[in-house]
Amino acid sequence: MSAAQRAVDGFLRASFPWYGLDEAFTGPRRLMQVGTAADGTVQHGAMGHGDEPSIRSEAGGAGAEKERFAVVVTVAASPVRRSGDGTGVLDATTVSSAAWLAGSGLLAHTWPAQLDHSLRDDWLEQQTETAFELADDLAGPAWSMLSLPVDGVPTPFHYRESEFGWVLAGPTGGGVHVGAYGRGMSAYGLGFSAVQDLGAYV
């Protein structure tokens, strides 16, 4: 099975709707990856819009600065529950979960050009911990509020910018939480909608 077909199959296995940028975005779209629980249940996934993000330092500063992309992360909303194998408890998923996935997703495509390769893991671990702490404190000073349409309905999002790009997260009416991250595209002009046809992303 090709990698593309595996990606499609992963998205099709989800029991919840996927979200992407609405029809106002006319650029390229693509499936990225899904995240699953130990029992194979699909829990979240990401869809790319615009340029395919490269790691900023490896692309060369100027090339990466010209990238224009937004990645939309969909997270199934769920309460605290038993794991599928009955051996533990799975945490509830919230808007913070979407913010954390979006923040860590942005970090995966960014690291300082002047950083030695041997120090990259330490840098990434430190930044990832910071992203987790920020996602856990959506009411904190690092976040501002931004209203964006979700399925045509104005919806409040938590939004923050960094030197690497921007991250936002908010709810939907479809039983999922949405996170997004990007660079080179303004978050202020975005809108989200449930994906009706995965074919647009293949």
C-alpha atoms as a PDB file:
ATOM      1  CA  MET A   1       0.000   0.000   0.000  1.00  0.00           C
ATOM      2  CA  SER A   2       1.379   3.414  -0.920  1.00  0.00           C
ATOM      3  CA  ALA A   3       2.057   6.060   1.722  1.00  0.00           C
ATOM      4  CA  ALA A   4      -0.682   8.209   0.167  1.00  0.00           C
ATOM      5  CA  GLN A   5      -3.214   5.389   0.407  1.00  0.00           C
ATOM      6  CA  ARG A   6      -2.247   4.685   4.025  1.00  0.00           C
ATOM      7  CA  ALA A   7      -2.797   8.359   4.825  1.00  0.00           C
ATOM      8  CA  VAL A   8      -6.241   8.312   3.191  1.00  0.00           C
ATOM      9  CA  ASP A   9      -7.188   5.112   5.026  1.00  0.00           C
ATOM     10  CA  GLY A  10      -6.163   6.664   8.343  1.00  0.00           C
ATOM     11  CA  PHE A  11      -8.393   9.682   7.773  1.00  0.00           C
ATOM     12  CA  LEU A  12     -11.292   7.499   6.622  1.00  0.00           C
ATOM     13  CA  ARG A  13     -11.126   5.427   9.832  1.00  0.00           C
ATOM     14  CA  ALA A  14     -11.947   8.449  12.004  1.00  0.00           C
ATOM     15  CA  SER A  15     -15.350   8.507  13.679  1.00  0.00           C
ATOM     16  CA  PHE A  16     -15.431  12.324  13.736  1.00  0.00           C
ATOM     17  CA  PRO A  17     -15.472  15.075  11.078  1.00  0.00           C
ATOM     18  CA  TRP A  18     -12.212  16.567   9.822  1.00  0.00           C
ATOM     19  CA  TYR A  19     -11.744  20.309   9.561  1.00  0.00           C
ATOM     20  CA  GLY A  20      -9.693  22.341   7.116  1.00  0.00           C
ATOM     21  CA  LEU A  21      -9.609  25.863   5.751  1.00  0.00           C
ATOM     22  CA  ASP A  22     -12.896  26.879   4.146  1.00  0.00           C
ATOM     23  CA  GLU A  23     -13.514  27.495   0.441  1.00  0.00           C
ATOM     24  CA  ALA A  24     -11.998  30.992   0.616  1.00  0.00           C
ATOM     25  CA  PHE A  25      -8.598  29.257   0.503  1.00  0.00           C
ATOM     26  CA  THR A  26      -7.879  28.291  -3.105  1.00  0.00           C
ATOM     27  CA  GLY A  27      -4.303  26.968  -2.829  1.00  0.00           C
ATOM     28  CA  PRO A  28      -3.037  23.388  -2.627  1.00  0.00           C
ATOM     29  CA  ARG A  29      -4.273  21.057   0.100  1.00  0.00           C
ATOM     30  CA  ARG A  30      -2.813  17.783   1.366  1.00  0.00           C
ATOM     31  CA  LEU A  31      -3.296  15.141   4.016  1.00  0.00           C
ATOM     32  CA  MET A  32      -0.567  14.979   6.631  1.00  0.00           C
ATOM     33  CA  GLN A  33      -0.756  12.414   9.443  1.00  0.00           C
ATOM     34  CA  VAL A  34      -3.213  10.935  11.915  1.00  0.00           C
ATOM     35  CA  GLY A  35      -2.583  10.112  15.561  1.00  0.00           C
ATOM     36  CA  THR A  36      -4.015   6.904  17.011  1.00  0.00           C
ATOM     37  CA  ALA A  37      -4.509   5.368  20.427  1.00  0.00           C
ATOM     38  CA  ALA A  38      -2.883   2.056  21.376  1.00  0.00           C
ATOM     39  CA  ASP A  39      -5.962   0.201  20.121  1.00  0.00           C
ATOM     40  CA  GLY A  40      -5.747   1.890  16.711  1.00  0.00           C
ATOM     41  CA  THR A  41      -8.589   4.357  17.274  1.00  0.00           C
ATOM     42  CA  VAL A  42      -7.958   7.595  15.381  1.00  0.00           C
ATOM     43  CA  GLN A  43      -7.792  10.512  17.825  1.00  0.00           C
ATOM     44  CA  HIS A  44      -6.470  13.447  15.817  1.00  0.00           C
ATOM     45  CA  GLY A  45      -4.939  14.394  12.504  1.00  0.00           C
ATOM     46  CA  ALA A  46      -3.548  17.267  10.464  1.00  0.00           C
ATOM     47  CA  MET A  47      -4.266  18.713   7.026  1.00  0.00           C
ATOM     48  CA  GLY A  48      -1.884  21.022   5.193  1.00  0.00           C
ATOM     49  CA  HIS A  49      -2.697  24.109   3.133  1.00  0.00           C
ATOM     50  CA  GLY A  50      -0.334  26.096   0.933  1.00  0.00           C
ATOM     51  CA  ASP A  51       3.383  25.368   0.756  1.00  0.00           C
ATOM     52  CA  GLU A  52       4.728  22.196   2.279  1.00  0.00           C
ATOM     53  CA  PRO A  53       6.532  23.412   5.406  1.00  0.00           C
ATOM     54  CA  SER A  54      10.229  22.675   5.607  1.00  0.00           C
ATOM     55  CA  ILE A  55      12.446  22.922   8.649  1.00  0.00           C
ATOM     56  CA  ARG A  56      13.325  26.590   8.550  1.00  0.00           C
ATOM     57  CA  SER A  57      17.063  26.360   9.076  1.00  0.00           C
ATOM     58  CA  GLU A  58      17.525  23.501   6.601  1.00  0.00           C
ATOM     59  CA  ALA A  59      15.578  25.353   3.915  1.00  0.00           C
ATOM     60  CA  GLY A  60      17.849  28.351   4.335  1.00  0.00           C
ATOM     61  CA  GLY A  61      16.574  31.442   6.074  1.00  0.00           C
ATOM     62  CA  ALA A  62      15.372  33.280   2.982  1.00  0.00           C
ATOM     63  CA  GLY A  63      13.611  30.268   1.456  1.00  0.00           C
ATOM     64  CA  ALA A  64      11.735  29.394   4.624  1.00  0.00           C
ATOM     65  CA  GLU A  65      10.743  32.999   5.252  1.00  0.00           C
ATOM     66  CA  LYS A  66       8.902  32.953   1.924  1.00  0.00           C
ATOM     67  CA  GLU A  67       6.888  29.858   2.817  1.00  0.00           C
ATOM     68  CA  ARG A  68       3.152  30.383   3.113  1.00  0.00           C
ATOM     69  CA  PHE A  69       1.328  27.589   4.871  1.00  0.00           C
ATOM     70  CA  ALA A  70      -1.328  26.768   7.417  1.00  0.00           C
ATOM     71  CA  VAL A  71      -1.854  23.365   8.998  1.00  0.00           C
ATOM     72  CA  VAL A  72      -5.222  22.555  10.574  1.00  0.00           C
ATOM     73  CA  VAL A  73      -5.300  19.985  13.387  1.00  0.00           C
ATOM     74  CA  THR A  74      -8.581  18.241  14.280  1.00  0.00           C
ATOM     75  CA  VAL A  75      -8.884  16.610  17.713  1.00  0.00           C
ATOM     76  CA  ALA A  76     -11.834  14.441  18.693  1.00  0.00           C
ATOM     77  CA  ALA A  77     -13.480  15.900  21.800  1.00  0.00           C
ATOM     78  CA  SER A  78     -13.763  13.291  24.545  1.00  0.00           C
ATOM     79  CA  PRO A  79     -14.118  13.107  28.333  1.00  0.00           C
ATOM     80  CA  VAL A  80     -11.781  11.254  30.676  1.00  0.00           C
ATOM     81  CA  ARG A  81     -12.227   7.585  29.781  1.00  0.00           C
ATOM     82  CA  ARG A  82     -10.786   4.121  30.231  1.00  0.00           C
ATOM     83  CA  SER A  83      -8.181   3.019  27.724  1.00  0.00           C
ATOM     84  CA  GLY A  84      -9.271   0.476  25.126  1.00  0.00           C
ATOM     85  CA  ASP A  85      -7.331  -2.334  26.811  1.00  0.00           C
ATOM     86  CA  GLY A  86      -8.717  -1.438  30.251  1.00  0.00           C
ATOM     87  CA  THR A  87      -5.288  -0.907  31.768  1.00  0.00           C
ATOM     88  CA  GLY A  88      -5.464   2.819  32.365  1.00  0.00           C
ATOM     89  CA  VAL A  89      -7.251   6.115  31.927  1.00  0.00           C
ATOM     90  CA  LEU A  90      -7.052   8.419  28.916  1.00  0.00           C
ATOM     91  CA  ASP A  91      -7.084  12.147  29.589  1.00  0.00           C
ATOM     92  CA  ALA A  92      -9.932  14.274  28.321  1.00  0.00           C
ATOM     93  CA  THR A  93      -9.251  16.127  25.090  1.00  0.00           C
ATOM     94  CA  THR A  94      -9.949  19.855  25.174  1.00  0.00           C
ATOM     95  CA  VAL A  95      -9.112  23.029  23.289  1.00  0.00           C
ATOM     96  CA  SER A  96      -5.799  22.874  25.166  1.00  0.00           C
ATOM     97  CA  SER A  97      -5.127  19.527  23.474  1.00  0.00           C
ATOM     98  CA  ALA A  98      -5.574  21.191  20.092  1.00  0.00           C
ATOM     99  CA  ALA A  99      -3.318  24.077  21.138  1.00  0.00           C
ATOM    100  CA  TRP A 100      -0.620  21.650  22.278  1.00  0.00           C
ATOM    101  CA  LEU A 101      -0.720  19.636  19.035  1.00  0.00           C
ATOM    102  CA  ALA A 102      -0.603  22.814  16.953  1.00  0.00           C
ATOM    103  CA  GLY A 103       2.253  24.274  18.997  1.00  0.00           C
ATOM    104  CA  SER A 104       4.343  21.107  18.797  1.00  0.00           C
ATOM    105  CA  GLY A 105       3.532  20.799  15.079  1.00  0.00           C
ATOM    106  CA  LEU A 106       4.962  24.243  14.414  1.00  0.00           C
ATOM    107  CA  LEU A 107       8.101  23.370  16.370  1.00  0.00           C
ATOM    108  CA  ALA A 108       8.630  20.274  14.216  1.00  0.00           C
ATOM    109  CA  HIS A 109       9.212  22.573  11.243  1.00  0.00           C
ATOM    110  CA  THR A 110      11.370  25.152  13.009  1.00  0.00           C
ATOM    111  CA  TRP A 111      14.681  25.412  14.735  1.00  0.00           C
ATOM    112  CA  PRO A 112      17.250  28.211  14.868  1.00  0.00           C
ATOM    113  CA  ALA A 113      19.676  28.251  11.939  1.00  0.00           C
ATOM    114  CA  GLN A 114      22.614  29.010  14.226  1.00  0.00           C
ATOM    115  CA  LEU A 115      21.933  25.979  16.432  1.00  0.00           C
ATOM    116  CA  ASP A 116      24.372  23.085  16.219  1.00  0.00           C
ATOM    117  CA  HIS A 117      22.808  19.764  15.212  1.00  0.00           C
ATOM    118  CA  SER A 118      24.012  18.163  18.444  1.00  0.00           C
ATOM    119  CA  LEU A 119      21.986  20.666  20.456  1.00  0.00           C
ATOM    120  CA  ARG A 120      18.786  20.330  18.437  1.00  0.00           C
ATOM    121  CA  ASP A 121      17.219  17.641  20.663  1.00  0.00           C
ATOM    122  CA  ASP A 122      17.821  19.724  23.795  1.00  0.00           C
ATOM    123  CA  TRP A 123      16.344  22.796  22.114  1.00  0.00           C
ATOM    124  CA  LEU A 124      13.323  20.870  20.870  1.00  0.00           C
ATOM    125  CA  GLU A 125      12.686  19.296  24.284  1.00  0.00           C
ATOM    126  CA  GLN A 126      12.850  22.698  25.973  1.00  0.00           C
ATOM    127  CA  GLN A 127      10.594  24.376  23.418  1.00  0.00           C
ATOM    128  CA  THR A 128       8.128  21.486  23.454  1.00  0.00           C
ATOM    129  CA  GLU A 129       7.825  21.735  27.235  1.00  0.00           C
ATOM    130  CA  THR A 130       7.197  25.474  26.874  1.00  0.00           C
ATOM    131  CA  ALA A 131       4.515  24.819  24.232  1.00  0.00           C
ATOM    132  CA  PHE A 132       2.838  22.328  26.584  1.00  0.00           C
ATOM    133  CA  GLU A 133       2.828  24.815  29.455  1.00  0.00           C
ATOM    134  CA  LEU A 134       1.405  27.549  27.212  1.00  0.00           C
ATOM    135  CA  ALA A 135      -1.342  25.227  25.923  1.00  0.00           C
ATOM    136  CA  ASP A 136      -2.243  24.367  29.496  1.00  0.00           C
ATOM    137  CA  ASP A 137      -2.775  28.059  30.321  1.00  0.00           C
ATOM    138  CA  LEU A 138      -5.011  29.410  27.564  1.00  0.00           C
ATOM    139  CA  ALA A 139      -6.197  32.181  29.884  1.00  0.00           C
ATOM    140  CA  GLY A 140      -2.615  33.352  30.386  1.00  0.00           C
ATOM    141  CA  PRO A 141      -0.945  36.465  28.963  1.00  0.00           C
ATOM    142  CA  ALA A 142       0.701  34.603  26.061  1.00  0.00           C
ATOM    143  CA  TRP A 143      -2.682  34.221  24.359  1.00  0.00           C
ATOM    144  CA  SER A 144      -5.068  36.735  22.854  1.00  0.00           C
ATOM    145  CA  MET A 145      -8.607  36.151  21.580  1.00  0.00           C
ATOM    146  CA  LEU A 146      -9.484  36.075  17.900  1.00  0.00           C
ATOM    147  CA  SER A 147     -12.896  35.484  16.310  1.00  0.00           C
ATOM    148  CA  LEU A 148     -12.834  33.324  13.178  1.00  0.00           C
ATOM    149  CA  PRO A 149     -15.653  31.592  11.268  1.00  0.00           C
ATOM    150  CA  VAL A 150     -16.173  27.863  11.799  1.00  0.00           C
ATOM    151  CA  ASP A 151     -18.774  26.459   9.421  1.00  0.00           C
ATOM    152  CA  GLY A 152     -19.806  30.077   8.879  1.00  0.00           C
ATOM    153  CA  VAL A 153     -20.350  30.810  12.586  1.00  0.00           C
ATOM    154  CA  PRO A 154     -18.058  33.346  14.345  1.00  0.00           C
ATOM    155  CA  THR A 155     -16.107  31.367  16.929  1.00  0.00           C
ATOM    156  CA  PRO A 156     -13.632  32.499  19.627  1.00  0.00           C
ATOM    157  CA  PHE A 157     -10.077  31.219  19.245  1.00  0.00           C
ATOM    158  CA  HIS A 158      -7.033  31.468  21.475  1.00  0.00           C
ATOM    159  CA  TYR A 159      -4.162  32.892  19.423  1.00  0.00           C
ATOM    160  CA  ARG A 160      -0.466  33.500  19.938  1.00  0.00           C
ATOM    161  CA  GLU A 161       2.479  34.492  17.786  1.00  0.00           C
ATOM    162  CA  SER A 162       6.133  33.607  18.169  1.00  0.00           C
ATOM    163  CA  GLU A 163       9.310  34.066  16.163  1.00  0.00           C
ATOM    164  CA  PHE A 164       8.517  30.739  14.502  1.00  0.00           C
ATOM    165  CA  GLY A 165       4.973  31.436  13.357  1.00  0.00           C
ATOM    166  CA  TRP A 166       1.501  31.504  14.885  1.00  0.00           C
ATOM    167  CA  VAL A 167      -0.681  29.016  16.746  1.00  0.00           C
ATOM    168  CA  LEU A 168      -4.409  29.088  17.456  1.00  0.00           C
ATOM    169  CA  ALA A 169      -7.030  26.765  18.930  1.00  0.00           C
ATOM    170  CA  GLY A 170     -10.783  26.775  19.461  1.00  0.00           C
ATOM    171  CA  PRO A 171     -13.980  24.720  19.529  1.00  0.00           C
ATOM    172  CA  THR A 172     -16.387  23.673  16.778  1.00  0.00           C
ATOM    173  CA  GLY A 173     -20.010  22.634  16.739  1.00  0.00           C
ATOM    174  CA  GLY A 174     -19.018  19.259  15.292  1.00  0.00           C
ATOM    175  CA  GLY A 175     -17.778  17.453  18.401  1.00  0.00           C
ATOM    176  CA  VAL A 176     -14.125  18.238  17.737  1.00  0.00           C
ATOM    177  CA  HIS A 177     -11.573  20.871  18.681  1.00  0.00           C
ATOM    178  CA  VAL A 178      -9.530  22.675  16.034  1.00  0.00           C
ATOM    179  CA  GLY A 179      -5.957  23.830  16.284  1.00  0.00           C
ATOM    180  CA  ALA A 180      -3.872  25.447  13.573  1.00  0.00           C
ATOM    181  CA  TYR A 181      -0.363  26.709  13.003  1.00  0.00           C
ATOM    182  CA  GLY A 182       1.281  28.523  10.157  1.00  0.00           C
ATOM    183  CA  ARG A 183       3.815  30.901   8.765  1.00  0.00           C
ATOM    184  CA  GLY A 184       3.612  33.471   5.978  1.00  0.00           C
ATOM    185  CA  MET A 185      -0.213  33.453   5.958  1.00  0.00           C
ATOM    186  CA  SER A 186      -2.155  35.768   8.231  1.00  0.00           C
ATOM    187  CA  ALA A 187      -4.292  33.908  10.741  1.00  0.00           C
ATOM    188  CA  TYR A 188      -6.698  36.832  10.842  1.00  0.00           C
ATOM    189  CA  GLY A 189      -8.166  36.051   7.429  1.00  0.00           C
ATOM    190  CA  LEU A 190      -8.731  32.330   7.944  1.00  0.00           C
ATOM    191  CA  GLY A 191     -11.982  30.406   8.212  1.00  0.00           C
ATOM    192  CA  PHE A 192     -12.582  26.736   8.954  1.00  0.00           C
ATOM    193  CA  SER A 193     -15.155  24.242   7.750  1.00  0.00           C
ATOM    194  CA  ALA A 194     -15.838  20.525   7.949  1.00  0.00           C
ATOM    195  CA  VAL A 195     -14.199  18.662   5.072  1.00  0.00           C
ATOM    196  CA  GLN A 196     -16.880  17.199   2.815  1.00  0.00           C
ATOM    197  CA  ASP A 197     -14.544  15.530   0.328  1.00  0.00           C
ATOM    198  CA  LEU A 198     -11.133  14.135   1.250  1.00  0.00           C
ATOM    199  CA  GLY A 199     -10.425  14.010  -2.477  1.00  0.00           C
ATOM    200  CA  ALA A 200      -9.585  17.706  -2.362  1.00  0.00           C
ATOM    201  CA  TYR A 201      -6.605  16.789  -0.154  1.00  0.00           C
ATOM    202  CA  VAL A 202      -5.245  13.840  -2.141  1.00  0.00           C
END
